[in-house]
Structures are given as structure tokens and as C-alpha cells.
C-alpha atoms as a PDB file:
ATOM      1  CA  UNK A   1       5.298   8.233  -2.778  1.00  0.00           C
ATOM      2  CA  UNK A   2       9.026   9.156  -2.048  1.00  0.00           C
ATOM      3  CA  UNK A   3       9.105   8.734   1.714  1.00  0.00           C
ATOM      4  CA  UNK A   4       6.305   5.072   1.377  1.00  0.00           C
ATOM      5  CA  UNK A   5       9.479   3.542  -0.840  1.00  0.00           C
ATOM      6  CA  UNK A   6      12.180   5.297   0.777  1.00  0.00           C
ATOM      7  CA  UNK A   7      10.804   3.107   3.857  1.00  0.00           C
ATOM      8  CA  UNK A   8       9.842   0.535   2.682  1.00  0.00           C
ATOM      9  CA  UNK A   9      13.107  -0.022   0.744  1.00  0.00           C
ATOM     10  CA  UNK A  10      14.954   0.214   4.193  1.00  0.00           C
ATOM     11  CA  UNK A  11      12.853  -1.960   5.794  1.00  0.00           C
ATOM     12  CA  UNK A  12      13.390  -5.297   2.896  1.00  0.00           C
ATOM     13  CA  UNK A  13      17.121  -3.995   3.919  1.00  0.00           C
ATOM     14  CA  UNK A  14      17.056  -4.314   7.519  1.00  0.00           C
ATOM     15  CA  UNK A  15      15.568  -7.655   7.686  1.00  0.00           C
ATOM     16  CA  UNK A  16      17.978  -8.738   4.317  1.00  0.00           C
ATOM     17  CA  UNK A  17      14.951  -8.745   1.651  1.00  0.00           C
ATOM     18  CA  UNK A  18      15.615  -9.401  -1.763  1.00  0.00           C
ATOM     19  CA  UNK A  19      15.918  -6.381  -3.991  1.00  0.00           C
ATOM     20  CA  UNK A  20      14.916  -6.591  -7.810  1.00  0.00           C
ATOM     21  CA  UNK A  21      13.262  -4.806 -10.236  1.00  0.00           C
ATOM     22  CA  UNK A  22       9.903  -6.606  -9.074  1.00  0.00           C
ATOM     23  CA  UNK A  23       9.877  -5.406  -5.524  1.00  0.00           C
ATOM     24  CA  UNK A  24       8.745  -1.640  -6.575  1.00  0.00           C
ATOM     25  CA  UNK A  25       6.449  -0.949  -9.110  1.00  0.00           C
ATOM     26  CA  UNK A  26       4.480   1.708 -10.501  1.00  0.00           C
ATOM     27  CA  UNK A  27       0.794   2.542 -12.725  1.00  0.00           C
ATOM     28  CA  UNK A  28       1.177   5.487 -13.478  1.00  0.00           C
ATOM     29  CA  UNK A  29       2.038   4.579 -17.371  1.00  0.00           C
ATOM     30  CA  UNK A  30       0.876   0.652 -17.258  1.00  0.00           C
ATOM     31  CA  UNK A  31      -2.406  -1.037 -16.851  1.00  0.00           C
ATOM     32  CA  UNK A  32      -3.427  -2.262 -13.622  1.00  0.00           C
ATOM     33  CA  UNK A  33      -4.146  -5.558 -14.836  1.00  0.00           C
ATOM     34  CA  UNK A  34      -0.188  -5.749 -17.337  1.00  0.00           C
ATOM     35  CA  UNK A  35       1.627  -4.729 -13.634  1.00  0.00           C
ATOM     36  CA  UNK A  36       0.086  -7.625 -12.053  1.00  0.00           C
ATOM     37  CA  UNK A  37       0.589 -10.669 -14.353  1.00  0.00           C
ATOM     38  CA  UNK A  38       3.945  -9.396 -14.932  1.00  0.00           C
ATOM     39  CA  UNK A  39       4.184  -9.287 -11.207  1.00  0.00           C
ATOM     40  CA  UNK A  40       2.617 -12.658 -10.563  1.00  0.00           C
ATOM     41  CA  UNK A  41       4.233 -15.191 -13.822  1.00  0.00           C
ATOM     42  CA  UNK A  42       6.562 -17.148 -12.633  1.00  0.00           C
ATOM     43  CA  UNK A  43       5.345 -17.775  -9.393  1.00  0.00           C
ATOM     44  CA  UNK A  44       6.497 -13.715  -8.598  1.00  0.00           C
ATOM     45  CA  UNK A  45       6.263 -12.245  -5.389  1.00  0.00           C
ATOM     46  CA  UNK A  46       4.136 -13.535  -2.464  1.00  0.00           C
ATOM     47  CA  UNK A  47       2.556 -10.680  -1.033  1.00  0.00           C
ATOM     48  CA  UNK A  48       1.953  -6.735  -3.363  1.00  0.00           C
ATOM     49  CA  UNK A  49       1.079  -3.841  -0.787  1.00  0.00           C
ATOM     50  CA  UNK A  50      -0.602  -1.008  -3.112  1.00  0.00           C
ATOM     51  CA  UNK A  51      -0.256   2.083  -1.523  1.00  0.00           C
ATOM     52  CA  UNK A  52      -3.843   3.626  -2.255  1.00  0.00           C
ATOM     53  CA  UNK A  53      -7.234   2.193  -1.560  1.00  0.00           C
ATOM     54  CA  UNK A  54      -8.768   2.226  -4.564  1.00  0.00           C
ATOM     55  CA  UNK A  55      -5.613   0.034  -6.522  1.00  0.00           C
ATOM     56  CA  UNK A  56      -6.091  -2.120  -3.924  1.00  0.00           C
ATOM     57  CA  UNK A  57      -9.440  -2.045  -4.514  1.00  0.00           C
ATOM     58  CA  UNK A  58      -8.660  -2.871  -8.518  1.00  0.00           C
ATOM     59  CA  UNK A  59      -5.941  -5.458  -7.878  1.00  0.00           C
ATOM     60  CA  UNK A  60      -8.098  -7.088  -5.393  1.00  0.00           C
ATOM     61  CA  UNK A  61     -10.405  -7.790  -8.312  1.00  0.00           C
ATOM     62  CA  UNK A  62      -8.151  -8.494 -10.760  1.00  0.00           C
ATOM     63  CA  UNK A  63      -5.483 -11.199  -8.816  1.00  0.00           C
ATOM     64  CA  UNK A  64      -9.077 -12.917  -8.191  1.00  0.00           C
ATOM     65  CA  UNK A  65     -11.241 -12.740 -10.913  1.00  0.00           C
ATOM     66  CA  UNK A  66      -9.136 -11.919 -13.636  1.00  0.00           C
ATOM     67  CA  UNK A  67      -5.448 -14.130 -12.937  1.00  0.00           C
ATOM     68  CA  UNK A  68      -7.727 -16.997 -10.473  1.00  0.00           C
ATOM     69  CA  UNK A  69      -4.966 -16.347  -7.978  1.00  0.00           C
ATOM     70  CA  UNK A  70      -6.144 -16.777  -4.407  1.00  0.00           C
ATOM     71  CA  UNK A  71      -5.606 -13.868  -1.484  1.00  0.00           C
ATOM     72  CA  UNK A  72      -3.949 -14.536   1.078  1.00  0.00           C
ATOM     73  CA  UNK A  73      -3.570 -18.250   0.228  1.00  0.00           C
ATOM     74  CA  UNK A  74      -1.319 -17.803  -3.041  1.00  0.00           C
ATOM     75  CA  UNK A  75      -0.484 -13.854  -2.854  1.00  0.00           C
ATOM     76  CA  UNK A  76      -1.059 -11.430   1.331  1.00  0.00           C
ATOM     77  CA  UNK A  77      -2.618  -8.202  -0.187  1.00  0.00           C
ATOM     78  CA  UNK A  78      -2.332  -4.892   2.104  1.00  0.00           C
ATOM     79  CA  UNK A  79      -3.197  -1.362   1.040  1.00  0.00           C
ATOM     80  CA  UNK A  80      -3.355   1.481   2.236  1.00  0.00           C
ATOM     81  CA  UNK A  81      -4.654   4.895   2.723  1.00  0.00           C
ATOM     82  CA  UNK A  82      -8.639   4.571   4.548  1.00  0.00           C
ATOM     83  CA  UNK A  83     -10.232   1.191   5.436  1.00  0.00           C
ATOM     84  CA  UNK A  84     -13.735   2.633   4.895  1.00  0.00           C
ATOM     85  CA  UNK A  85     -14.307  -0.047   1.579  1.00  0.00           C
ATOM     86  CA  UNK A  86     -11.198  -2.112   1.604  1.00  0.00           C
ATOM     87  CA  UNK A  87     -13.598  -3.846   5.189  1.00  0.00           C
ATOM     88  CA  UNK A  88     -15.812  -4.622   2.306  1.00  0.00           C
ATOM     89  CA  UNK A  89     -13.953  -6.973  -0.021  1.00  0.00           C
ATOM     90  CA  UNK A  90     -14.121 -10.487  -0.249  1.00  0.00           C
ATOM     91  CA  UNK A  91     -11.130 -10.964   1.772  1.00  0.00           C
ATOM     92  CA  UNK A  92     -11.299  -7.977   3.535  1.00  0.00           C
ATOM     93  CA  UNK A  93      -8.537  -6.573   2.961  1.00  0.00           C
ATOM     94  CA  UNK A  94      -5.472  -5.386   5.691  1.00  0.00           C
ATOM     95  CA  UNK A  95      -4.225  -1.578   5.501  1.00  0.00           C
ATOM     96  CA  UNK A  96      -2.763   1.221   6.669  1.00  0.00           C
ATOM     97  CA  UNK A  97      -5.240   3.447   7.735  1.00  0.00           C
ATOM     98  CA  UNK A  98      -4.101   6.863   7.770  1.00  0.00           C
ATOM     99  CA  UNK A  99      -5.249   9.558  10.204  1.00  0.00           C
ATOM    100  CA  UNK A 100      -6.809  11.616   7.025  1.00  0.00           C
ATOM    101  CA  UNK A 101      -9.091  13.919   9.375  1.00  0.00           C
ATOM    102  CA  UNK A 102      -5.967  14.600  11.545  1.00  0.00           C
ATOM    103  CA  UNK A 103      -3.590  15.590   8.106  1.00  0.00           C
ATOM    104  CA  UNK A 104      -6.306  18.050   6.711  1.00  0.00           C
ATOM    105  CA  UNK A 105      -6.611  19.579  10.465  1.00  0.00           C
ATOM    106  CA  UNK A 106      -3.141  19.553  10.653  1.00  0.00           C
ATOM    107  CA  UNK A 107      -2.086  20.291   6.850  1.00  0.00           C
ATOM    108  CA  UNK A 108      -4.930  23.674   7.442  1.00  0.00           C
ATOM    109  CA  UNK A 109      -3.280  24.729  11.247  1.00  0.00           C
ATOM    110  CA  UNK A 110       0.701  24.551   9.502  1.00  0.00           C
ATOM    111  CA  UNK A 111      -1.227  27.020   6.147  1.00  0.00           C
ATOM    112  CA  UNK A 112      -2.704  29.024   8.508  1.00  0.00           C
ATOM    113  CA  UNK A 113       0.281  29.162  10.611  1.00  0.00           C
ATOM    114  CA  UNK A 114       2.788  30.246   7.537  1.00  0.00           C
ATOM    115  CA  UNK A 115       0.269  32.549   6.454  1.00  0.00           C
ATOM    116  CA  UNK A 116       0.805  34.286   9.255  1.00  0.00           C
ATOM    117  CA  UNK A 117       3.710  34.619  10.456  1.00  0.00           C
ATOM    118  CA  UNK A 118       5.794  33.555   8.004  1.00  0.00           C
ATOM    119  CA  UNK A 119       6.749  30.270  10.096  1.00  0.00           C
ATOM    120  CA  UNK A 120       9.586  28.214   8.890  1.00  0.00           C
ATOM    121  CA  UNK A 121       7.794  25.455   6.571  1.00  0.00           C
ATOM    122  CA  UNK A 122       7.349  21.855   8.580  1.00  0.00           C
ATOM    123  CA  UNK A 123       7.522  18.014   7.916  1.00  0.00           C
ATOM    124  CA  UNK A 124       5.262  16.651  10.500  1.00  0.00           C
ATOM    125  CA  UNK A 125       4.375  12.841  10.577  1.00  0.00           C
ATOM    126  CA  UNK A 126       1.424  10.993  12.089  1.00  0.00           C
ATOM    127  CA  UNK A 127       1.067   8.048  12.905  1.00  0.00           C
ATOM    128  CA  UNK A 128      -0.666   5.147  11.063  1.00  0.00           C
ATOM    129  CA  UNK A 129      -2.344   2.471  12.112  1.00  0.00           C
ATOM    130  CA  UNK A 130      -1.700  -1.352  10.804  1.00  0.00           C
ATOM    131  CA  UNK A 131      -5.594  -2.991  10.263  1.00  0.00           C
ATOM    132  CA  UNK A 132      -5.589  -6.702   9.950  1.00  0.00           C
ATOM    133  CA  UNK A 133      -8.631  -8.690   7.889  1.00  0.00           C
ATOM    134  CA  UNK A 134      -7.755 -10.915   6.531  1.00  0.00           C
ATOM    135  CA  UNK A 135      -6.391 -10.176   3.256  1.00  0.00           C
ATOM    136  CA  UNK A 136      -2.781 -11.266   4.524  1.00  0.00           C
ATOM    137  CA  UNK A 137      -1.145 -14.317   5.510  1.00  0.00           C
ATOM    138  CA  UNK A 138       1.477 -16.723   6.182  1.00  0.00           C
ATOM    139  CA  UNK A 139       4.123 -16.625   3.117  1.00  0.00           C
ATOM    140  CA  UNK A 140       4.104 -20.087   0.621  1.00  0.00           C
ATOM    141  CA  UNK A 141       6.930 -22.414   0.648  1.00  0.00           C
ATOM    142  CA  UNK A 142       9.732 -22.189  -1.776  1.00  0.00           C
END
């Protein structure tokens, strides 16, 4: 999570986009409805990135069915992790797809190597891919 936040903030800064209290929010201590209601009140953001698929599905449901916000016409929604389910919601959700099988394989390789060779801890960076679907649109005019 810390790396995702750091990367997101770095991308925002490099594009000279504003960062404020609503730029990054977490749901550990509050219900998704309350968070989305607060973020979308009075215009809110033009897009949301939800960093796992199940929360992305919950956000899509609450935004459209409970708060009456049209995705992507009023708000873009981007999820992350596995794209298997997100392709079947309405609209199909754009997602950053992580190579989950490769993550598992590489984690096991590193663990076994560390157990046998007492290697130093390693950090591996694997490529993700963006799957563009219909939940992301052009930013609305301010």
C-alpha cells in the first residue's frame, strides 16, 4: 500500500495535479458508502482509483445504485488486481492487472532460495498492465 500511495503521489506531482485531503482515502475505519458520499459531495473528484477488485465492485455498486452517480460520465472508476470479475459489471471496469500467478511463483522462488542459501531479502518489481474498459472517461469540465 505504501508503494502504491508513493507512486500515485509521485505521478500526481510530476503532472502538477493538485493534492489535498481527498486525494487518497482508506476504508479500514469507515464504510465504503460513507467514504464515497464524502468524496463525491459538492462535485468531488473526476475519478477514483480503488486498489483492489472487491472494493472496486463495491464502489461501482454504491456510486451508481445508491448515490446515483453515472460512471464514467460523471466519475471515472479504475480498479486493481485481477480483472476476472470486473469485466462483467456495468459498465465493465478498467483495471490495472497484476500478474498474480507470476507473483506467487516468484515469491515461492525467493522464499525457497532464502531458506536454502540464507540470501539477503530481495525486492522484485513485476510489470502490471492496464486493461482499458468502459468505466473511465474524459474529465468533466470544471
